[in-house]
PDB file of all heavy atoms in Angstrom:
ATOM      1  N   ALA A   1      23.152 167.362  88.717  1.00  0.00           N
ATOM      2  CA  ALA A   1      21.879 166.714  88.353  1.00  0.00           C
ATOM      3  C   ALA A   1      20.720 167.723  88.391  1.00  0.00           C
ATOM      4  O   ALA A   1      19.853 167.734  87.510  1.00  0.00           O
ATOM      5  CB  ALA A   1      21.604 165.546  89.296  1.00  0.00           C
ATOM      6  N   LYS A   2      20.734 168.600  89.413  1.00  0.00           N
ATOM      7  CA  LYS A   2      19.675 169.609  89.505  1.00  0.00           C
ATOM      8  C   LYS A   2      19.704 170.554  88.300  1.00  0.00           C
ATOM      9  O   LYS A   2      18.659 170.854  87.713  1.00  0.00           O
ATOM     10  CB  LYS A   2      19.819 170.399  90.801  1.00  0.00           C
ATOM     11  CG  LYS A   2      18.792 171.518  90.936  1.00  0.00           C
ATOM     12  CD  LYS A   2      18.969 172.309  92.225  1.00  0.00           C
ATOM     13  CE  LYS A   2      17.962 173.467  92.306  1.00  0.00           C
ATOM     14  NZ  LYS A   2      18.113 174.232  93.574  1.00  0.00           N
ATOM     15  N   GLU A   3      20.885 171.033  87.948  1.00  0.00           N
ATOM     16  CA  GLU A   3      20.992 171.959  86.830  1.00  0.00           C
ATOM     17  C   GLU A   3      20.489 171.321  85.537  1.00  0.00           C
ATOM     18  O   GLU A   3      19.822 171.974  84.710  1.00  0.00           O
ATOM     19  CB  GLU A   3      22.451 172.416  86.670  1.00  0.00           C
ATOM     20  CG  GLU A   3      22.911 173.312  87.802  1.00  0.00           C
ATOM     21  CD  GLU A   3      24.381 173.664  87.696  1.00  0.00           C
ATOM     22  OE1 GLU A   3      25.078 173.043  86.849  1.00  0.00           O
ATOM     23  OE2 GLU A   3      24.844 174.530  88.466  1.00  0.00           O
ATOM     24  N   PHE A   4      20.777 170.032  85.347  1.00  0.00           N
ATOM     25  CA  PHE A   4      20.300 169.354  84.150  1.00  0.00           C
ATOM     26  C   PHE A   4      18.771 169.272  84.144  1.00  0.00           C
ATOM     27  O   PHE A   4      18.118 169.510  83.124  1.00  0.00           O
ATOM     28  CB  PHE A   4      20.900 167.948  84.054  1.00  0.00           C
ATOM     29  CG  PHE A   4      20.583 167.232  82.780  1.00  0.00           C
ATOM     30  CD1 PHE A   4      21.415 167.337  81.675  1.00  0.00           C
ATOM     31  CD2 PHE A   4      19.419 166.457  82.661  1.00  0.00           C
ATOM     32  CE1 PHE A   4      21.107 166.683  80.489  1.00  0.00           C
ATOM     33  CE2 PHE A   4      19.121 165.804  81.481  1.00  0.00           C
ATOM     34  CZ  PHE A   4      19.957 165.916  80.386  1.00  0.00           C
ATOM     35  N   LEU A   5      18.188 168.943  85.279  1.00  0.00           N
ATOM     36  CA  LEU A   5      16.723 168.838  85.365  1.00  0.00           C
ATOM     37  C   LEU A   5      16.051 170.186  85.117  1.00  0.00           C
ATOM     38  O   LEU A   5      15.015 170.263  84.451  1.00  0.00           O
ATOM     39  CB  LEU A   5      16.318 168.288  86.741  1.00  0.00           C
ATOM     40  CG  LEU A   5      16.689 166.820  87.005  1.00  0.00           C
ATOM     41  CD1 LEU A   5      16.418 166.460  88.463  1.00  0.00           C
ATOM     42  CD2 LEU A   5      15.916 165.880  86.078  1.00  0.00           C
ATOM     43  N   VAL A   6      16.648 171.244  85.636  1.00  0.00           N
ATOM     44  CA  VAL A   6      16.083 172.583  85.419  1.00  0.00           C
ATOM     45  C   VAL A   6      16.127 172.916  83.928  1.00  0.00           C
ATOM     46  O   VAL A   6      15.191 173.523  83.374  1.00  0.00           O
ATOM     47  CB  VAL A   6      16.833 173.623  86.263  1.00  0.00           C
ATOM     48  CG1 VAL A   6      16.408 175.040  85.874  1.00  0.00           C
ATOM     49  CG2 VAL A   6      16.580 173.380  87.745  1.00  0.00           C
ATOM     50  N   GLN A   7      17.232 172.529  83.260  1.00  0.00           N
ATOM     51  CA  GLN A   7      17.322 172.763  81.825  1.00  0.00           C
ATOM     52  C   GLN A   7      16.233 172.002  81.055  1.00  0.00           C
ATOM     53  O   GLN A   7      15.814 172.431  79.975  1.00  0.00           O
ATOM     54  CB  GLN A   7      18.701 172.336  81.313  1.00  0.00           C
ATOM     55  CG  GLN A   7      19.836 173.217  81.800  1.00  0.00           C
ATOM     56  CD  GLN A   7      21.195 172.675  81.410  1.00  0.00           C
ATOM     57  OE1 GLN A   7      21.289 171.633  80.735  1.00  0.00           O
ATOM     58  NE2 GLN A   7      22.256 173.363  81.811  1.00  0.00           N
ATOM     59  N   GLN A   8      15.738 170.918  81.627  1.00  0.00           N
ATOM     60  CA  GLN A   8      14.670 170.136  80.995  1.00  0.00           C
ATOM     61  C   GLN A   8      13.277 170.668  81.327  1.00  0.00           C
ATOM     62  O   GLN A   8      12.266 170.085  80.911  1.00  0.00           O
ATOM     63  CB  GLN A   8      14.759 168.665  81.431  1.00  0.00           C
ATOM     64  CG  GLN A   8      16.082 167.994  81.091  1.00  0.00           C
ATOM     65  CD  GLN A   8      16.395 168.045  79.608  1.00  0.00           C
ATOM     66  OE1 GLN A   8      15.564 167.671  78.785  1.00  0.00           O
ATOM     67  NE2 GLN A   8      17.585 168.509  79.256  1.00  0.00           N
ATOM     68  N   GLY A   9      13.216 171.763  82.068  1.00  0.00           N
ATOM     69  CA  GLY A   9      11.929 172.387  82.349  1.00  0.00           C
ATOM     70  C   GLY A   9      11.352 172.096  83.715  1.00  0.00           C
ATOM     71  O   GLY A   9      10.202 172.472  83.996  1.00  0.00           O
ATOM     72  N   VAL A  10      12.111 171.465  84.589  1.00  0.00           N
ATOM     73  CA  VAL A  10      11.620 171.200  85.946  1.00  0.00           C
ATOM     74  C   VAL A  10      11.805 172.460  86.788  1.00  0.00           C
ATOM     75  O   VAL A  10      12.853 173.122  86.728  1.00  0.00           O
ATOM     76  CB  VAL A  10      12.372 170.013  86.581  1.00  0.00           C
ATOM     77  CG1 VAL A  10      11.879 169.759  88.001  1.00  0.00           C
ATOM     78  CG2 VAL A  10      12.217 168.768  85.715  1.00  0.00           C
ATOM     79  N   ALA A  11      10.783 172.786  87.583  1.00  0.00           N
ATOM     80  CA  ALA A  11      10.847 173.997  88.424  1.00  0.00           C
ATOM     81  C   ALA A  11      11.961 173.872  89.445  1.00  0.00           C
ATOM     82  O   ALA A  11      12.008 172.911  90.225  1.00  0.00           O
ATOM     83  CB  ALA A  11       9.503 174.221  89.118  1.00  0.00           C
ATOM     84  N   ALA A  12      12.860 174.852  89.467  1.00  0.00           N
ATOM     85  CA  ALA A  12      14.010 174.791  90.371  1.00  0.00           C
ATOM     86  C   ALA A  12      13.599 174.850  91.835  1.00  0.00           C
ATOM     87  O   ALA A  12      14.253 174.233  92.705  1.00  0.00           O
ATOM     88  CB  ALA A  12      14.970 175.936  90.049  1.00  0.00           C
ATOM     89  N   ASP A  13      12.469 175.590  92.135  1.00  0.00           N
ATOM     90  CA  ASP A  13      12.090 175.728  93.541  1.00  0.00           C
ATOM     91  C   ASP A  13      11.487 174.447  94.116  1.00  0.00           C
ATOM     92  O   ASP A  13      11.213 174.359  95.309  1.00  0.00           O
ATOM     93  CB  ASP A  13      11.100 176.879  93.717  1.00  0.00           C
ATOM     94  CG  ASP A  13       9.821 176.687  92.914  1.00  0.00           C
ATOM     95  OD1 ASP A  13       9.797 175.811  92.013  1.00  0.00           O
ATOM     96  OD2 ASP A  13       8.824 177.390  93.184  1.00  0.00           O
ATOM     97  N   LYS A  14      11.287 173.441  93.241  1.00  0.00           N
ATOM     98  CA  LYS A  14      10.789 172.153  93.722  1.00  0.00           C
ATOM     99  C   LYS A  14      11.925 171.194  94.057  1.00  0.00           C
ATOM    100  O   LYS A  14      11.674 170.092  94.551  1.00  0.00           O
ATOM    101  CB  LYS A  14       9.897 171.494  92.643  1.00  0.00           C
ATOM    102  CG  LYS A  14       8.713 172.334  92.190  1.00  0.00           C
ATOM    103  CD  LYS A  14       7.671 172.472  93.286  1.00  0.00           C
ATOM    104  CE  LYS A  14       6.439 173.206  92.790  1.00  0.00           C
ATOM    105  NZ  LYS A  14       5.440 173.379  93.865  1.00  0.00           N
ATOM    106  N   LEU A  15      13.153 171.603  93.769  1.00  0.00           N
ATOM    107  CA  LEU A  15      14.305 170.718  93.910  1.00  0.00           C
ATOM    108  C   LEU A  15      15.234 171.210  95.018  1.00  0.00           C
ATOM    109  O   LEU A  15      15.570 172.390  95.083  1.00  0.00           O
ATOM    110  CB  LEU A  15      15.069 170.629  92.584  1.00  0.00           C
ATOM    111  CG  LEU A  15      14.251 170.177  91.353  1.00  0.00           C
ATOM    112  CD1 LEU A  15      15.127 170.244  90.099  1.00  0.00           C
ATOM    113  CD2 LEU A  15      13.701 168.763  91.550  1.00  0.00           C
ATOM    114  N   GLN A  16      15.629 170.294  95.861  1.00  0.00           N
ATOM    115  CA  GLN A  16      16.617 170.580  96.906  1.00  0.00           C
ATOM    116  C   GLN A  16      17.789 169.616  96.709  1.00  0.00           C
ATOM    117  O   GLN A  16      17.624 168.551  96.105  1.00  0.00           O
ATOM    118  CB  GLN A  16      16.009 170.373  98.302  1.00  0.00           C
ATOM    119  CG  GLN A  16      14.769 171.212  98.577  1.00  0.00           C
ATOM    120  CD  GLN A  16      14.083 170.848  99.882  1.00  0.00           C
ATOM    121  OE1 GLN A  16      14.604 170.038 100.664  1.00  0.00           O
ATOM    122  NE2 GLN A  16      12.909 171.429 100.119  1.00  0.00           N
ATOM    123  N   ILE A  17      18.955 169.971  97.209  1.00  0.00           N
ATOM    124  CA  ILE A  17      20.110 169.076  97.088  1.00  0.00           C
ATOM    125  C   ILE A  17      20.676 168.790  98.471  1.00  0.00           C
ATOM    126  O   ILE A  17      20.561 169.608  99.400  1.00  0.00           O
ATOM    127  CB  ILE A  17      21.195 169.672  96.175  1.00  0.00           C
ATOM    128  CG1 ILE A  17      21.725 170.984  96.754  1.00  0.00           C
ATOM    129  CG2 ILE A  17      20.671 169.842  94.760  1.00  0.00           C
ATOM    130  CD1 ILE A  17      22.934 171.525  95.978  1.00  0.00           C
ATOM    131  N   ILE A  18      21.285 167.605  98.565  1.00  0.00           N
ATOM    132  CA  ILE A  18      21.968 167.210  99.795  1.00  0.00           C
ATOM    133  C   ILE A  18      23.076 166.242  99.415  1.00  0.00           C
ATOM    134  O   ILE A  18      22.946 165.483  98.443  1.00  0.00           O
ATOM    135  CB  ILE A  18      20.979 166.566 100.786  1.00  0.00           C
ATOM    136  CG1 ILE A  18      21.662 166.324 102.141  1.00  0.00           C
ATOM    137  CG2 ILE A  18      20.411 165.261 100.225  1.00  0.00           C
ATOM    138  CD1 ILE A  18      20.688 165.882 103.224  1.00  0.00           C
ATOM    139  N   SER A  19      24.162 166.289 100.148  1.00  0.00           N
ATOM    140  CA  SER A  19      25.275 165.382  99.897  1.00  0.00           C
ATOM    141  C   SER A  19      25.437 164.447 101.092  1.00  0.00           C
ATOM    142  O   SER A  19      25.485 164.906 102.240  1.00  0.00           O
ATOM    143  CB  SER A  19      26.578 166.151  99.675  1.00  0.00           C
ATOM    144  OG  SER A  19      27.665 165.248  99.561  1.00  0.00           O
ATOM    145  N   TYR A  20      25.489 163.145 100.796  1.00  0.00           N
ATOM    146  CA  TYR A  20      25.750 162.157 101.838  1.00  0.00           C
ATOM    147  C   TYR A  20      27.181 161.612 101.747  1.00  0.00           C
ATOM    148  O   TYR A  20      27.562 160.761 102.550  1.00  0.00           O
ATOM    149  CB  TYR A  20      24.761 160.992 101.734  1.00  0.00           C
ATOM    150  CG  TYR A  20      23.351 161.379 102.177  1.00  0.00           C
ATOM    151  CD1 TYR A  20      22.350 161.569 101.244  1.00  0.00           C
ATOM    152  CD2 TYR A  20      23.057 161.548 103.523  1.00  0.00           C
ATOM    153  CE1 TYR A  20      21.068 161.916 101.630  1.00  0.00           C
ATOM    154  CE2 TYR A  20      21.775 161.895 103.913  1.00  0.00           C
ATOM    155  CZ  TYR A  20      20.782 162.085 102.977  1.00  0.00           C
ATOM    156  OH  TYR A  20      19.517 162.444 103.380  1.00  0.00           O
ATOM    157  N   GLY A  21      27.953 162.102 100.749  1.00  0.00           N
ATOM    158  CA  GLY A  21      29.329 161.622 100.608  1.00  0.00           C
ATOM    159  C   GLY A  21      29.335 160.116 100.472  1.00  0.00           C
ATOM    160  O   GLY A  21      28.657 159.549  99.627  1.00  0.00           O
ATOM    161  N   LYS A  22      30.119 159.481 101.379  1.00  0.00           N
ATOM    162  CA  LYS A  22      30.181 158.023 101.353  1.00  0.00           C
ATOM    163  C   LYS A  22      29.439 157.394 102.531  1.00  0.00           C
ATOM    164  O   LYS A  22      29.612 156.217 102.824  1.00  0.00           O
ATOM    165  CB  LYS A  22      31.646 157.574 101.369  1.00  0.00           C
ATOM    166  CG  LYS A  22      32.439 158.035 102.589  1.00  0.00           C
ATOM    167  CD  LYS A  22      33.857 157.536 102.494  1.00  0.00           C
ATOM    168  CE  LYS A  22      34.687 157.976 103.715  1.00  0.00           C
ATOM    169  NZ  LYS A  22      36.073 157.492 103.638  1.00  0.00           N
ATOM    170  N   ASP A  23      28.555 158.193 103.188  1.00  0.00           N
ATOM    171  CA  ASP A  23      27.898 157.708 104.408  1.00  0.00           C
ATOM    172  C   ASP A  23      26.748 156.722 104.141  1.00  0.00           C
ATOM    173  O   ASP A  23      26.405 155.949 105.034  1.00  0.00           O
ATOM    174  CB  ASP A  23      27.349 158.889 105.211  1.00  0.00           C
ATOM    175  CG  ASP A  23      28.477 159.748 105.795  1.00  0.00           C
ATOM    176  OD1 ASP A  23      29.604 159.231 105.877  1.00  0.00           O
ATOM    177  OD2 ASP A  23      28.211 160.911 106.130  1.00  0.00           O
ATOM    178  N   LYS A  24      26.118 156.770 102.968  1.00  0.00           N
ATOM    179  CA  LYS A  24      24.985 155.876 102.697  1.00  0.00           C
ATOM    180  C   LYS A  24      25.250 155.089 101.416  1.00  0.00           C
ATOM    181  O   LYS A  24      24.609 155.296 100.395  1.00  0.00           O
ATOM    182  CB  LYS A  24      23.687 156.666 102.560  1.00  0.00           C
ATOM    183  CG  LYS A  24      23.221 157.291 103.877  1.00  0.00           C
ATOM    184  CD  LYS A  24      21.857 157.941 103.705  1.00  0.00           C
ATOM    185  CE  LYS A  24      21.328 158.484 105.030  1.00  0.00           C
ATOM    186  NZ  LYS A  24      19.978 159.059 104.899  1.00  0.00           N
ATOM    187  N   PRO A  25      26.207 154.157 101.471  1.00  0.00           N
ATOM    188  CA  PRO A  25      26.528 153.384 100.274  1.00  0.00           C
ATOM    189  C   PRO A  25      25.393 152.424  99.930  1.00  0.00           C
ATOM    190  O   PRO A  25      24.698 151.898 100.812  1.00  0.00           O
ATOM    191  CB  PRO A  25      27.795 152.635 100.671  1.00  0.00           C
ATOM    192  CG  PRO A  25      27.707 152.499 102.154  1.00  0.00           C
ATOM    193  CD  PRO A  25      27.041 153.755 102.635  1.00  0.00           C
ATOM    194  N   GLN A  26      25.204 152.203  98.648  1.00  0.00           N
ATOM    195  CA  GLN A  26      24.220 151.231  98.185  1.00  0.00           C
ATOM    196  C   GLN A  26      24.814 149.830  98.158  1.00  0.00           C
ATOM    197  O   GLN A  26      24.102 148.847  98.220  1.00  0.00           O
ATOM    198  CB  GLN A  26      23.723 151.626  96.785  1.00  0.00           C
ATOM    199  CG  GLN A  26      22.446 150.922  96.340  1.00  0.00           C
ATOM    200  CD  GLN A  26      21.910 151.490  95.038  1.00  0.00           C
ATOM    201  OE1 GLN A  26      22.699 151.925  94.199  1.00  0.00           O
ATOM    202  NE2 GLN A  26      20.586 151.497  94.894  1.00  0.00           N
ATOM    203  N   CYS A  27      26.144 149.772  98.075  1.00  0.00           N
ATOM    204  CA  CYS A  27      26.844 148.497  98.029  1.00  0.00           C
ATOM    205  C   CYS A  27      28.134 148.646  98.851  1.00  0.00           C
ATOM    206  O   CYS A  27      28.768 149.706  98.846  1.00  0.00           O
ATOM    207  CB  CYS A  27      27.173 148.135  96.592  1.00  0.00           C
ATOM    208  SG  CYS A  27      28.088 146.591  96.403  1.00  0.00           S
ATOM    209  N   THR A  28      28.542 147.573  99.548  1.00  0.00           N
ATOM    210  CA  THR A  28      29.712 147.667 100.443  1.00  0.00           C
ATOM    211  C   THR A  28      30.873 146.781 100.015  1.00  0.00           C
ATOM    212  O   THR A  28      31.862 146.649 100.742  1.00  0.00           O
ATOM    213  CB  THR A  28      29.305 147.281 101.884  1.00  0.00           C
ATOM    214  OG1 THR A  28      28.741 145.959 101.889  1.00  0.00           O
ATOM    215  CG2 THR A  28      28.312 148.280 102.445  1.00  0.00           C
ATOM    216  N   ASP A  29      30.785 146.177  98.825  1.00  0.00           N
ATOM    217  CA  ASP A  29      31.890 145.349  98.367  1.00  0.00           C
ATOM    218  C   ASP A  29      33.031 146.242  97.873  1.00  0.00           C
ATOM    219  O   ASP A  29      32.800 147.280  97.248  1.00  0.00           O
ATOM    220  CB  ASP A  29      31.454 144.432  97.220  1.00  0.00           C
ATOM    221  CG  ASP A  29      30.425 143.394  97.694  1.00  0.00           C
ATOM    222  OD1 ASP A  29      30.394 143.105  98.908  1.00  0.00           O
ATOM    223  OD2 ASP A  29      29.627 142.912  96.833  1.00  0.00           O
ATOM    224  N   ALA A  30      34.264 145.806  98.142  1.00  0.00           N
ATOM    225  CA  ALA A  30      35.428 146.567  97.685  1.00  0.00           C
ATOM    226  C   ALA A  30      35.759 146.149  96.267  1.00  0.00           C
ATOM    227  O   ALA A  30      36.754 145.472  95.993  1.00  0.00           O
ATOM    228  CB  ALA A  30      36.617 146.323  98.617  1.00  0.00           C
ATOM    229  N   ALA A  31      34.928 146.559  95.323  1.00  0.00           N
ATOM    230  CA  ALA A  31      35.113 146.199  93.919  1.00  0.00           C
ATOM    231  C   ALA A  31      34.525 147.317  93.070  1.00  0.00           C
ATOM    232  O   ALA A  31      33.648 148.074  93.503  1.00  0.00           O
ATOM    233  CB  ALA A  31      34.434 144.873  93.605  1.00  0.00           C
ATOM    234  N   GLU A  32      35.043 147.415  91.829  1.00  0.00           N
ATOM    235  CA  GLU A  32      34.607 148.515  90.964  1.00  0.00           C
ATOM    236  C   GLU A  32      33.114 148.470  90.677  1.00  0.00           C
ATOM    237  O   GLU A  32      32.450 149.505  90.608  1.00  0.00           O
ATOM    238  CB  GLU A  32      35.397 148.479  89.656  1.00  0.00           C
ATOM    239  CG  GLU A  32      35.009 149.557  88.653  1.00  0.00           C
ATOM    240  CD  GLU A  32      35.103 150.974  89.227  1.00  0.00           C
ATOM    241  OE1 GLU A  32      35.974 151.221  90.101  1.00  0.00           O
ATOM    242  OE2 GLU A  32      34.288 151.847  88.824  1.00  0.00           O
ATOM    243  N   GLY A  33      32.571 147.272  90.500  1.00  0.00           N
ATOM    244  CA  GLY A  33      31.139 147.182  90.259  1.00  0.00           C
ATOM    245  C   GLY A  33      30.328 147.776  91.394  1.00  0.00           C
ATOM    246  O   GLY A  33      29.305 148.446  91.178  1.00  0.00           O
ATOM    247  N   CYS A  34      30.796 147.551  92.608  1.00  0.00           N
ATOM    248  CA  CYS A  34      30.109 148.105  93.774  1.00  0.00           C
ATOM    249  C   CYS A  34      30.371 149.600  93.884  1.00  0.00           C
ATOM    250  O   CYS A  34      29.456 150.376  94.210  1.00  0.00           O
ATOM    251  CB  CYS A  34      30.585 147.378  95.025  1.00  0.00           C
ATOM    252  SG  CYS A  34      29.711 147.887  96.530  1.00  0.00           S
TER     253      CYS A  34
END
């Protein structure tokens, strides 16, 4: 996502990345939609 934004002209030094893996789910249902 960062690389795409930089290609669109966003300053790279303004962007940081972090991975939460599966620790902060937005939905907890065991279904494909979730």
